[in-house]
Amino acid sequence: EKLRISIHTASNHRTRILKKLNLKNT
């Protein structure tokens, strides 16, 4: 809502960030 993007896109960003940093969770 804040960035005016879809939930799917926001979720993909979160997943991609974790993958790049080799982290499991928030």
mmCIF file of all heavy atoms, coordinates in Angstrom:
data_MODEL
# 
_entry.id   MODEL 
# 
loop_
_atom_site.group_PDB 
_atom_site.id 
_atom_site.type_symbol 
_atom_site.label_atom_id 
_atom_site.label_alt_id 
_atom_site.label_comp_id 
_atom_site.label_asym_id 
_atom_site.label_entity_id 
_atom_site.label_seq_id 
_atom_site.pdbx_PDB_ins_code 
_atom_site.Cartn_x 
_atom_site.Cartn_y 
_atom_site.Cartn_z 
_atom_site.occupancy 
_atom_site.B_iso_or_equiv 
_atom_site.pdbx_formal_charge 
_atom_site.auth_seq_id 
_atom_site.auth_comp_id 
_atom_site.auth_asym_id 
_atom_site.auth_atom_id 
_atom_site.pdbx_PDB_model_num 
ATOM 1   N N   . GLU A 1 1  ? 0.827  -1.212  0.000  1.00 0.00 ? 1  GLU A N   1 
ATOM 2   C CA  . GLU A 1 1  ? 0.000  0.000   0.000  1.00 0.00 ? 1  GLU A CA  1 
ATOM 3   C C   . GLU A 1 1  ? 0.858  1.257   0.000  1.00 0.00 ? 1  GLU A C   1 
ATOM 4   O O   . GLU A 1 1  ? 0.569  2.217   -0.728 1.00 0.00 ? 1  GLU A O   1 
ATOM 5   C CB  . GLU A 1 1  ? -0.927 -0.009  1.217  1.00 0.00 ? 1  GLU A CB  1 
ATOM 6   C CG  . GLU A 1 1  ? -1.988 -1.113  1.157  1.00 0.00 ? 1  GLU A CG  1 
ATOM 7   C CD  . GLU A 1 1  ? -2.773 -1.232  2.447  1.00 0.00 ? 1  GLU A CD  1 
ATOM 8   O OE1 . GLU A 1 1  ? -2.445 -0.503  3.419  1.00 0.00 ? 1  GLU A OE1 1 
ATOM 9   O OE2 . GLU A 1 1  ? -3.711 -2.054  2.498  1.00 0.00 ? 1  GLU A OE2 1 
ATOM 10  N N   . LYS A 1 2  ? 1.913  1.254   0.794  1.00 0.00 ? 2  LYS A N   1 
ATOM 11  C CA  . LYS A 1 2  ? 2.759  2.448   0.905  1.00 0.00 ? 2  LYS A CA  1 
ATOM 12  C C   . LYS A 1 2  ? 3.507  2.727   -0.396 1.00 0.00 ? 2  LYS A C   1 
ATOM 13  O O   . LYS A 1 2  ? 3.643  3.887   -0.811 1.00 0.00 ? 2  LYS A O   1 
ATOM 14  C CB  . LYS A 1 2  ? 3.759  2.288   2.053  1.00 0.00 ? 2  LYS A CB  1 
ATOM 15  C CG  . LYS A 1 2  ? 4.581  3.546   2.334  1.00 0.00 ? 2  LYS A CG  1 
ATOM 16  C CD  . LYS A 1 2  ? 5.405  3.388   3.588  1.00 0.00 ? 2  LYS A CD  1 
ATOM 17  C CE  . LYS A 1 2  ? 6.189  4.661   3.894  1.00 0.00 ? 2  LYS A CE  1 
ATOM 18  N NZ  . LYS A 1 2  ? 5.306  5.811   4.201  1.00 0.00 ? 2  LYS A NZ  1 
ATOM 19  N N   . LEU A 1 3  ? 3.986  1.673   -1.043 1.00 0.00 ? 3  LEU A N   1 
ATOM 20  C CA  . LEU A 1 3  ? 4.763  1.841   -2.268 1.00 0.00 ? 3  LEU A CA  1 
ATOM 21  C C   . LEU A 1 3  ? 3.900  1.761   -3.530 1.00 0.00 ? 3  LEU A C   1 
ATOM 22  O O   . LEU A 1 3  ? 4.412  1.887   -4.644 1.00 0.00 ? 3  LEU A O   1 
ATOM 23  C CB  . LEU A 1 3  ? 5.874  0.787   -2.337 1.00 0.00 ? 3  LEU A CB  1 
ATOM 24  C CG  . LEU A 1 3  ? 6.905  0.819   -1.206 1.00 0.00 ? 3  LEU A CG  1 
ATOM 25  C CD1 . LEU A 1 3  ? 7.967  -0.249  -1.426 1.00 0.00 ? 3  LEU A CD1 1 
ATOM 26  C CD2 . LEU A 1 3  ? 7.554  2.194   -1.095 1.00 0.00 ? 3  LEU A CD2 1 
ATOM 27  N N   . ARG A 1 4  ? 2.601  1.521   -3.331 1.00 0.00 ? 4  ARG A N   1 
ATOM 28  C CA  . ARG A 1 4  ? 1.659  1.409   -4.443 1.00 0.00 ? 4  ARG A CA  1 
ATOM 29  C C   . ARG A 1 4  ? 2.069  0.324   -5.436 1.00 0.00 ? 4  ARG A C   1 
ATOM 30  O O   . ARG A 1 4  ? 2.120  0.532   -6.649 1.00 0.00 ? 4  ARG A O   1 
ATOM 31  C CB  . ARG A 1 4  ? 1.507  2.759   -5.150 1.00 0.00 ? 4  ARG A CB  1 
ATOM 32  C CG  . ARG A 1 4  ? 0.921  3.835   -4.241 1.00 0.00 ? 4  ARG A CG  1 
ATOM 33  C CD  . ARG A 1 4  ? 0.708  5.140   -4.973 1.00 0.00 ? 4  ARG A CD  1 
ATOM 34  N NE  . ARG A 1 4  ? 0.134  6.149   -4.081 1.00 0.00 ? 4  ARG A NE  1 
ATOM 35  C CZ  . ARG A 1 4  ? -0.163 7.396   -4.457 1.00 0.00 ? 4  ARG A CZ  1 
ATOM 36  N NH1 . ARG A 1 4  ? 0.063  7.780   -5.714 1.00 0.00 ? 4  ARG A NH1 1 
ATOM 37  N NH2 . ARG A 1 4  ? -0.680 8.245   -3.588 1.00 0.00 ? 4  ARG A NH2 1 
ATOM 38  N N   . ILE A 1 5  ? 2.392  -0.825  -4.873 1.00 0.00 ? 5  ILE A N   1 
ATOM 39  C CA  . ILE A 1 5  ? 2.706  -2.000  -5.685 1.00 0.00 ? 5  ILE A CA  1 
ATOM 40  C C   . ILE A 1 5  ? 1.808  -3.135  -5.211 1.00 0.00 ? 5  ILE A C   1 
ATOM 41  O O   . ILE A 1 5  ? 1.203  -3.057  -4.137 1.00 0.00 ? 5  ILE A O   1 
ATOM 42  C CB  . ILE A 1 5  ? 4.192  -2.415  -5.555 1.00 0.00 ? 5  ILE A CB  1 
ATOM 43  C CG1 . ILE A 1 5  ? 4.549  -2.680  -4.076 1.00 0.00 ? 5  ILE A CG1 1 
ATOM 44  C CG2 . ILE A 1 5  ? 5.111  -1.355  -6.146 1.00 0.00 ? 5  ILE A CG2 1 
ATOM 45  C CD1 . ILE A 1 5  ? 5.980  -3.132  -3.857 1.00 0.00 ? 5  ILE A CD1 1 
ATOM 46  N N   . SER A 1 6  ? 1.698  -4.183  -5.996 1.00 0.00 ? 6  SER A N   1 
ATOM 47  C CA  . SER A 1 6  ? 0.841  -5.304  -5.607 1.00 0.00 ? 6  SER A CA  1 
ATOM 48  C C   . SER A 1 6  ? 1.466  -6.084  -4.449 1.00 0.00 ? 6  SER A C   1 
ATOM 49  O O   . SER A 1 6  ? 2.681  -6.010  -4.224 1.00 0.00 ? 6  SER A O   1 
ATOM 50  C CB  . SER A 1 6  ? 0.631  -6.255  -6.793 1.00 0.00 ? 6  SER A CB  1 
ATOM 51  O OG  . SER A 1 6  ? 1.836  -6.937  -7.097 1.00 0.00 ? 6  SER A OG  1 
ATOM 52  N N   . ILE A 1 7  ? 0.618  -6.812  -3.735 1.00 0.00 ? 7  ILE A N   1 
ATOM 53  C CA  . ILE A 1 7  ? 1.115  -7.663  -2.646 1.00 0.00 ? 7  ILE A CA  1 
ATOM 54  C C   . ILE A 1 7  ? 2.090  -8.693  -3.205 1.00 0.00 ? 7  ILE A C   1 
ATOM 55  O O   . ILE A 1 7  ? 3.113  -9.006  -2.589 1.00 0.00 ? 7  ILE A O   1 
ATOM 56  C CB  . ILE A 1 7  ? -0.052 -8.366  -1.920 1.00 0.00 ? 7  ILE A CB  1 
ATOM 57  C CG1 . ILE A 1 7  ? -0.936 -7.331  -1.216 1.00 0.00 ? 7  ILE A CG1 1 
ATOM 58  C CG2 . ILE A 1 7  ? 0.467  -9.384  -0.916 1.00 0.00 ? 7  ILE A CG2 1 
ATOM 59  C CD1 . ILE A 1 7  ? -2.130 -7.917  -0.512 1.00 0.00 ? 7  ILE A CD1 1 
ATOM 60  N N   . HIS A 1 8  ? 1.784  -9.212  -4.373 1.00 0.00 ? 8  HIS A N   1 
ATOM 61  C CA  . HIS A 1 8  ? 2.649  -10.197 -5.028 1.00 0.00 ? 8  HIS A CA  1 
ATOM 62  C C   . HIS A 1 8  ? 4.039  -9.617  -5.281 1.00 0.00 ? 8  HIS A C   1 
ATOM 63  O O   . HIS A 1 8  ? 5.055  -10.272 -5.003 1.00 0.00 ? 8  HIS A O   1 
ATOM 64  C CB  . HIS A 1 8  ? 2.015  -10.641 -6.349 1.00 0.00 ? 8  HIS A CB  1 
ATOM 65  C CG  . HIS A 1 8  ? 2.840  -11.632 -7.113 1.00 0.00 ? 8  HIS A CG  1 
ATOM 66  N ND1 . HIS A 1 8  ? 3.008  -12.938 -6.704 1.00 0.00 ? 8  HIS A ND1 1 
ATOM 67  C CD2 . HIS A 1 8  ? 3.565  -11.488 -8.255 1.00 0.00 ? 8  HIS A CD2 1 
ATOM 68  C CE1 . HIS A 1 8  ? 3.786  -13.571 -7.558 1.00 0.00 ? 8  HIS A CE1 1 
ATOM 69  N NE2 . HIS A 1 8  ? 4.136  -12.716 -8.509 1.00 0.00 ? 8  HIS A NE2 1 
ATOM 70  N N   . THR A 1 9  ? 4.082  -8.378  -5.770 1.00 0.00 ? 9  THR A N   1 
ATOM 71  C CA  . THR A 1 9  ? 5.371  -7.727  -6.034 1.00 0.00 ? 9  THR A CA  1 
ATOM 72  C C   . THR A 1 9  ? 6.130  -7.477  -4.738 1.00 0.00 ? 9  THR A C   1 
ATOM 73  O O   . THR A 1 9  ? 7.341  -7.707  -4.651 1.00 0.00 ? 9  THR A O   1 
ATOM 74  C CB  . THR A 1 9  ? 5.153  -6.394  -6.776 1.00 0.00 ? 9  THR A CB  1 
ATOM 75  O OG1 . THR A 1 9  ? 4.503  -6.646  -8.019 1.00 0.00 ? 9  THR A OG1 1 
ATOM 76  C CG2 . THR A 1 9  ? 6.480  -5.691  -7.028 1.00 0.00 ? 9  THR A CG2 1 
ATOM 77  N N   . ALA A 1 10 ? 5.416  -7.020  -3.714 1.00 0.00 ? 10 ALA A N   1 
ATOM 78  C CA  . ALA A 1 10 ? 6.048  -6.771  -2.408 1.00 0.00 ? 10 ALA A CA  1 
ATOM 79  C C   . ALA A 1 10 ? 6.617  -8.061  -1.828 1.00 0.00 ? 10 ALA A C   1 
ATOM 80  O O   . ALA A 1 10 ? 7.726  -8.086  -1.287 1.00 0.00 ? 10 ALA A O   1 
ATOM 81  C CB  . ALA A 1 10 ? 5.036  -6.153  -1.444 1.00 0.00 ? 10 ALA A CB  1 
ATOM 82  N N   . SER A 1 11 ? 5.849  -9.133  -1.959 1.00 0.00 ? 11 SER A N   1 
ATOM 83  C CA  . SER A 1 11 ? 6.294  -10.434 -1.459 1.00 0.00 ? 11 SER A CA  1 
ATOM 84  C C   . SER A 1 11 ? 7.519  -10.931 -2.230 1.00 0.00 ? 11 SER A C   1 
ATOM 85  O O   . SER A 1 11 ? 8.458  -11.481 -1.638 1.00 0.00 ? 11 SER A O   1 
ATOM 86  C CB  . SER A 1 11 ? 5.152  -11.447 -1.582 1.00 0.00 ? 11 SER A CB  1 
ATOM 87  O OG  . SER A 1 11 ? 5.562  -12.724 -1.119 1.00 0.00 ? 11 SER A OG  1 
ATOM 88  N N   . ASN A 1 12 ? 7.515  -10.703 -3.537 1.00 0.00 ? 12 ASN A N   1 
ATOM 89  C CA  . ASN A 1 12 ? 8.662  -11.113 -4.356 1.00 0.00 ? 12 ASN A CA  1 
ATOM 90  C C   . ASN A 1 12 ? 9.923  -10.347 -3.979 1.00 0.00 ? 12 ASN A C   1 
ATOM 91  O O   . ASN A 1 12 ? 11.025 -10.907 -3.951 1.00 0.00 ? 12 ASN A O   1 
ATOM 92  C CB  . ASN A 1 12 ? 8.361  -10.911 -5.846 1.00 0.00 ? 12 ASN A CB  1 
ATOM 93  C CG  . ASN A 1 12 ? 7.476  -11.998 -6.404 1.00 0.00 ? 12 ASN A CG  1 
ATOM 94  O OD1 . ASN A 1 12 ? 7.302  -13.049 -5.794 1.00 0.00 ? 12 ASN A OD1 1 
ATOM 95  N ND2 . ASN A 1 12 ? 6.894  -11.750 -7.573 1.00 0.00 ? 12 ASN A ND2 1 
ATOM 96  N N   . HIS A 1 13 ? 9.756  -9.050  -3.698 1.00 0.00 ? 13 HIS A N   1 
ATOM 97  C CA  . HIS A 1 13 ? 10.897 -8.242  -3.260 1.00 0.00 ? 13 HIS A CA  1 
ATOM 98  C C   . HIS A 1 13 ? 11.479 -8.811  -1.959 1.00 0.00 ? 13 HIS A C   1 
ATOM 99  O O   . HIS A 1 13 ? 12.693 -8.949  -1.820 1.00 0.00 ? 13 HIS A O   1 
ATOM 100 C CB  . HIS A 1 13 ? 10.470 -6.791  -3.032 1.00 0.00 ? 13 HIS A CB  1 
ATOM 101 C CG  . HIS A 1 13 ? 10.483 -5.950  -4.271 1.00 0.00 ? 13 HIS A CG  1 
ATOM 102 N ND1 . HIS A 1 13 ? 11.613 -5.756  -5.028 1.00 0.00 ? 13 HIS A ND1 1 
ATOM 103 C CD2 . HIS A 1 13 ? 9.491  -5.242  -4.882 1.00 0.00 ? 13 HIS A CD2 1 
ATOM 104 C CE1 . HIS A 1 13 ? 11.335 -4.959  -6.052 1.00 0.00 ? 13 HIS A CE1 1 
ATOM 105 N NE2 . HIS A 1 13 ? 10.047 -4.637  -5.991 1.00 0.00 ? 13 HIS A NE2 1 
ATOM 106 N N   . ARG A 1 14 ? 10.603 -9.131  -1.018 1.00 0.00 ? 14 ARG A N   1 
ATOM 107 C CA  . ARG A 1 14 ? 11.041 -9.670  0.267  1.00 0.00 ? 14 ARG A CA  1 
ATOM 108 C C   . ARG A 1 14 ? 11.812 -10.987 0.061  1.00 0.00 ? 14 ARG A C   1 
ATOM 109 O O   . ARG A 1 14 ? 12.886 -11.183 0.630  1.00 0.00 ? 14 ARG A O   1 
ATOM 110 C CB  . ARG A 1 14 ? 9.830  -9.905  1.178  1.00 0.00 ? 14 ARG A CB  1 
ATOM 111 C CG  . ARG A 1 14 ? 10.188 -10.408 2.570  1.00 0.00 ? 14 ARG A CG  1 
ATOM 112 C CD  . ARG A 1 14 ? 8.918  -10.834 3.310  1.00 0.00 ? 14 ARG A CD  1 
ATOM 113 N NE  . ARG A 1 14 ? 8.071  -9.701  3.638  1.00 0.00 ? 14 ARG A NE  1 
ATOM 114 C CZ  . ARG A 1 14 ? 8.080  -9.094  4.817  1.00 0.00 ? 14 ARG A CZ  1 
ATOM 115 N NH1 . ARG A 1 14 ? 8.906  -9.501  5.768  1.00 0.00 ? 14 ARG A NH1 1 
ATOM 116 N NH2 . ARG A 1 14 ? 7.258  -8.090  5.053  1.00 0.00 ? 14 ARG A NH2 1 
ATOM 117 N N   . THR A 1 15 ? 11.254 -11.852 -0.762 1.00 0.00 ? 15 THR A N   1 
ATOM 118 C CA  . THR A 1 15 ? 11.891 -13.143 -1.035 1.00 0.00 ? 15 THR A CA  1 
ATOM 119 C C   . THR A 1 15 ? 13.252 -12.956 -1.700 1.00 0.00 ? 15 THR A C   1 
ATOM 120 O O   . THR A 1 15 ? 14.230 -13.627 -1.346 1.00 0.00 ? 15 THR A O   1 
ATOM 121 C CB  . THR A 1 15 ? 10.992 -14.008 -1.945 1.00 0.00 ? 15 THR A CB  1 
ATOM 122 O OG1 . THR A 1 15 ? 9.741  -14.227 -1.282 1.00 0.00 ? 15 THR A OG1 1 
ATOM 123 C CG2 . THR A 1 15 ? 11.643 -15.345 -2.232 1.00 0.00 ? 15 THR A CG2 1 
ATOM 124 N N   . ARG A 1 16 ? 13.323 -12.032 -2.643 1.00 0.00 ? 16 ARG A N   1 
ATOM 125 C CA  . ARG A 1 16 ? 14.570 -11.786 -3.382 1.00 0.00 ? 16 ARG A CA  1 
ATOM 126 C C   . ARG A 1 16 ? 15.645 -11.207 -2.455 1.00 0.00 ? 16 ARG A C   1 
ATOM 127 O O   . ARG A 1 16 ? 16.827 -11.579 -2.559 1.00 0.00 ? 16 ARG A O   1 
ATOM 128 C CB  . ARG A 1 16 ? 14.305 -10.858 -4.556 1.00 0.00 ? 16 ARG A CB  1 
ATOM 129 C CG  . ARG A 1 16 ? 15.462 -10.732 -5.530 1.00 0.00 ? 16 ARG A CG  1 
ATOM 130 C CD  . ARG A 1 16 ? 15.019 -10.283 -6.905 1.00 0.00 ? 16 ARG A CD  1 
ATOM 131 N NE  . ARG A 1 16 ? 14.129 -9.140  -6.873 1.00 0.00 ? 16 ARG A NE  1 
ATOM 132 C CZ  . ARG A 1 16 ? 12.840 -9.185  -7.244 1.00 0.00 ? 16 ARG A CZ  1 
ATOM 133 N NH1 . ARG A 1 16 ? 12.295 -10.314 -7.650 1.00 0.00 ? 16 ARG A NH1 1 
ATOM 134 N NH2 . ARG A 1 16 ? 12.082 -8.100  -7.198 1.00 0.00 ? 16 ARG A NH2 1 
ATOM 135 N N   . ILE A 1 17 ? 15.241 -10.329 -1.547 1.00 0.00 ? 17 ILE A N   1 
ATOM 136 C CA  . ILE A 1 17 ? 16.186 -9.742  -0.595 1.00 0.00 ? 17 ILE A CA  1 
ATOM 137 C C   . ILE A 1 17 ? 16.788 -10.837 0.291  1.00 0.00 ? 17 ILE A C   1 
ATOM 138 O O   . ILE A 1 17 ? 18.009 -10.893 0.494  1.00 0.00 ? 17 ILE A O   1 
ATOM 139 C CB  . ILE A 1 17 ? 15.490 -8.674  0.278  1.00 0.00 ? 17 ILE A CB  1 
ATOM 140 C CG1 . ILE A 1 17 ? 15.186 -7.428  -0.572 1.00 0.00 ? 17 ILE A CG1 1 
ATOM 141 C CG2 . ILE A 1 17 ? 16.366 -8.280  1.472  1.00 0.00 ? 17 ILE A CG2 1 
ATOM 142 C CD1 . ILE A 1 17 ? 14.220 -6.458  0.098  1.00 0.00 ? 17 ILE A CD1 1 
ATOM 143 N N   . LEU A 1 18 ? 15.946 -11.705 0.822  1.00 0.00 ? 18 LEU A N   1 
ATOM 144 C CA  . LEU A 1 18 ? 16.428 -12.786 1.680  1.00 0.00 ? 18 LEU A CA  1 
ATOM 145 C C   . LEU A 1 18 ? 17.379 -13.708 0.919  1.00 0.00 ? 18 LEU A C   1 
ATOM 146 O O   . LEU A 1 18 ? 18.399 -14.161 1.459  1.00 0.00 ? 18 LEU A O   1 
ATOM 147 C CB  . LEU A 1 18 ? 15.245 -13.593 2.237  1.00 0.00 ? 18 LEU A CB  1 
ATOM 148 C CG  . LEU A 1 18 ? 14.322 -12.862 3.215  1.00 0.00 ? 18 LEU A CG  1 
ATOM 149 C CD1 . LEU A 1 18 ? 13.165 -13.766 3.619  1.00 0.00 ? 18 LEU A CD1 1 
ATOM 150 C CD2 . LEU A 1 18 ? 15.091 -12.419 4.461  1.00 0.00 ? 18 LEU A CD2 1 
ATOM 151 N N   . LYS A 1 19 ? 17.038 -13.982 -0.343 1.00 0.00 ? 19 LYS A N   1 
ATOM 152 C CA  . LYS A 1 19 ? 17.885 -14.863 -1.155 1.00 0.00 ? 19 LYS A CA  1 
ATOM 153 C C   . LYS A 1 19 ? 19.247 -14.222 -1.415 1.00 0.00 ? 19 LYS A C   1 
ATOM 154 O O   . LYS A 1 19 ? 20.288 -14.884 -1.316 1.00 0.00 ? 19 LYS A O   1 
ATOM 155 C CB  . LYS A 1 19 ? 17.183 -15.175 -2.478 1.00 0.00 ? 19 LYS A CB  1 
ATOM 156 C CG  . LYS A 1 19 ? 17.929 -16.184 -3.335 1.00 0.00 ? 19 LYS A CG  1 
ATOM 157 C CD  . LYS A 1 19 ? 17.135 -16.549 -4.586 1.00 0.00 ? 19 LYS A CD  1 
ATOM 158 C CE  . LYS A 1 19 ? 17.888 -17.587 -5.419 1.00 0.00 ? 19 LYS A CE  1 
ATOM 159 N NZ  . LYS A 1 19 ? 17.124 -17.966 -6.637 1.00 0.00 ? 19 LYS A NZ  1 
ATOM 160 N N   . LYS A 1 20 ? 19.251 -12.936 -1.747 1.00 0.00 ? 20 LYS A N   1 
ATOM 161 C CA  . LYS A 1 20 ? 20.515 -12.232 -2.011 1.00 0.00 ? 20 LYS A CA  1 
ATOM 162 C C   . LYS A 1 20 ? 21.423 -12.239 -0.786 1.00 0.00 ? 20 LYS A C   1 
ATOM 163 O O   . LYS A 1 20 ? 22.648 -12.386 -0.908 1.00 0.00 ? 20 LYS A O   1 
ATOM 164 C CB  . LYS A 1 20 ? 20.240 -10.784 -2.428 1.00 0.00 ? 20 LYS A CB  1 
ATOM 165 C CG  . LYS A 1 20 ? 19.782 -10.603 -3.858 1.00 0.00 ? 20 LYS A CG  1 
ATOM 166 C CD  . LYS A 1 20 ? 19.669 -9.117  -4.184 1.00 0.00 ? 20 LYS A CD  1 
ATOM 167 C CE  . LYS A 1 20 ? 19.286 -8.895  -5.647 1.00 0.00 ? 20 LYS A CE  1 
ATOM 168 N NZ  . LYS A 1 20 ? 19.223 -7.454  -5.986 1.00 0.00 ? 20 LYS A NZ  1 
ATOM 169 N N   . LEU A 1 21 ? 20.822 -12.071 0.377  1.00 0.00 ? 21 LEU A N   1 
ATOM 170 C CA  . LEU A 1 21 ? 21.606 -11.985 1.616  1.00 0.00 ? 21 LEU A CA  1 
ATOM 171 C C   . LEU A 1 21 ? 21.816 -13.343 2.270  1.00 0.00 ? 21 LEU A C   1 
ATOM 172 O O   . LEU A 1 21 ? 22.454 -13.433 3.322  1.00 0.00 ? 21 LEU A O   1 
ATOM 173 C CB  . LEU A 1 21 ? 20.901 -11.040 2.602  1.00 0.00 ? 21 LEU A CB  1 
ATOM 174 C CG  . LEU A 1 21 ? 20.729 -9.596  2.124  1.00 0.00 ? 21 LEU A CG  1 
ATOM 175 C CD1 . LEU A 1 21 ? 19.936 -8.787  3.146  1.00 0.00 ? 21 LEU A CD1 1 
ATOM 176 C CD2 . LEU A 1 21 ? 22.084 -8.943  1.867  1.00 0.00 ? 21 LEU A CD2 1 
ATOM 177 N N   . ASN A 1 22 ? 21.268 -14.389 1.655  1.00 0.00 ? 22 ASN A N   1 
ATOM 178 C CA  . ASN A 1 22 ? 21.397 -15.753 2.177  1.00 0.00 ? 22 ASN A CA  1 
ATOM 179 C C   . ASN A 1 22 ? 20.840 -15.848 3.600  1.00 0.00 ? 22 ASN A C   1 
ATOM 180 O O   . ASN A 1 22 ? 21.466 -16.418 4.499  1.00 0.00 ? 22 ASN A O   1 
ATOM 181 C CB  . ASN A 1 22 ? 22.856 -16.215 2.149  1.00 0.00 ? 22 ASN A CB  1 
ATOM 182 C CG  . ASN A 1 22 ? 22.984 -17.722 2.354  1.00 0.00 ? 22 ASN A CG  1 
ATOM 183 O OD1 . ASN A 1 22 ? 22.075 -18.485 2.012  1.00 0.00 ? 22 ASN A OD1 1 
ATOM 184 N ND2 . ASN A 1 22 ? 24.100 -18.147 2.915  1.00 0.00 ? 22 ASN A ND2 1 
ATOM 185 N N   . LEU A 1 23 ? 19.652 -15.272 3.787  1.00 0.00 ? 23 LEU A N   1 
ATOM 186 C CA  . LEU A 1 23 ? 18.983 -15.277 5.084  1.00 0.00 ? 23 LEU A CA  1 
ATOM 187 C C   . LEU A 1 23 ? 17.695 -16.081 4.988  1.00 0.00 ? 23 LEU A C   1 
ATOM 188 O O   . LEU A 1 23 ? 17.106 -16.204 3.912  1.00 0.00 ? 23 LEU A O   1 
ATOM 189 C CB  . LEU A 1 23 ? 18.676 -13.844 5.530  1.00 0.00 ? 23 LEU A CB  1 
ATOM 190 C CG  . LEU A 1 23 ? 19.885 -12.907 5.641  1.00 0.00 ? 23 LEU A CG  1 
ATOM 191 C CD1 . LEU A 1 23 ? 19.418 -11.488 5.913  1.00 0.00 ? 23 LEU A CD1 1 
ATOM 192 C CD2 . LEU A 1 23 ? 20.839 -13.384 6.734  1.00 0.00 ? 23 LEU A CD2 1 
ATOM 193 N N   . LYS A 1 24 ? 17.245 -16.609 6.130  1.00 0.00 ? 24 LYS A N   1 
ATOM 194 C CA  . LYS A 1 24 ? 16.070 -17.480 6.122  1.00 0.00 ? 24 LYS A CA  1 
ATOM 195 C C   . LYS A 1 24 ? 14.768 -16.755 6.403  1.00 0.00 ? 24 LYS A C   1 
ATOM 196 O O   . LYS A 1 24 ? 13.703 -17.175 5.943  1.00 0.00 ? 24 LYS A O   1 
ATOM 197 C CB  . LYS A 1 24 ? 16.253 -18.613 7.146  1.00 0.00 ? 24 LYS A CB  1 
ATOM 198 C CG  . LYS A 1 24 ? 17.353 -19.599 6.776  1.00 0.00 ? 24 LYS A CG  1 
ATOM 199 C CD  . LYS A 1 24 ? 17.465 -20.715 7.802  1.00 0.00 ? 24 LYS A CD  1 
ATOM 200 C CE  . LYS A 1 24 ? 18.003 -20.198 9.117  1.00 0.00 ? 24 LYS A CE  1 
ATOM 201 N NZ  . LYS A 1 24 ? 18.250 -21.284 10.095 1.00 0.00 ? 24 LYS A NZ  1 
ATOM 202 N N   . ASN A 1 25 ? 14.820 -15.703 7.191  1.00 0.00 ? 25 ASN A N   1 
ATOM 203 C CA  . ASN A 1 25 ? 13.573 -15.061 7.592  1.00 0.00 ? 25 ASN A CA  1 
ATOM 204 C C   . ASN A 1 25 ? 13.797 -13.598 7.947  1.00 0.00 ? 25 ASN A C   1 
ATOM 205 O O   . ASN A 1 25 ? 14.934 -13.098 7.920  1.00 0.00 ? 25 ASN A O   1 
ATOM 206 C CB  . ASN A 1 25 ? 12.949 -15.809 8.780  1.00 0.00 ? 25 ASN A CB  1 
ATOM 207 C CG  . ASN A 1 25 ? 13.946 -16.007 9.909  1.00 0.00 ? 25 ASN A CG  1 
ATOM 208 O OD1 . ASN A 1 25 ? 14.659 -15.078 10.295 1.00 0.00 ? 25 ASN A OD1 1 
ATOM 209 N ND2 . ASN A 1 25 ? 14.016 -17.222 10.439 1.00 0.00 ? 25 ASN A ND2 1 
ATOM 210 N N   . THR A 1 26 ? 12.711 -12.931 8.286  1.00 0.00 ? 26 THR A N   1 
ATOM 211 C CA  . THR A 1 26 ? 12.783 -11.510 8.590  1.00 0.00 ? 26 THR A CA  1 
ATOM 212 C C   . THR A 1 26 ? 13.580 -11.229 9.859  1.00 0.00 ? 26 THR A C   1 
ATOM 213 O O   . THR A 1 26 ? 14.249 -10.203 9.955  1.00 0.00 ? 26 THR A O   1 
ATOM 214 C CB  . THR A 1 26 ? 11.363 -10.924 8.723  1.00 0.00 ? 26 THR A CB  1 
ATOM 215 O OG1 . THR A 1 26 ? 10.653 -11.172 7.512  1.00 0.00 ? 26 THR A OG1 1 
ATOM 216 C CG2 . THR A 1 26 ? 11.403 -9.430  8.973  1.00 0.00 ? 26 THR A CG2 1 
# 
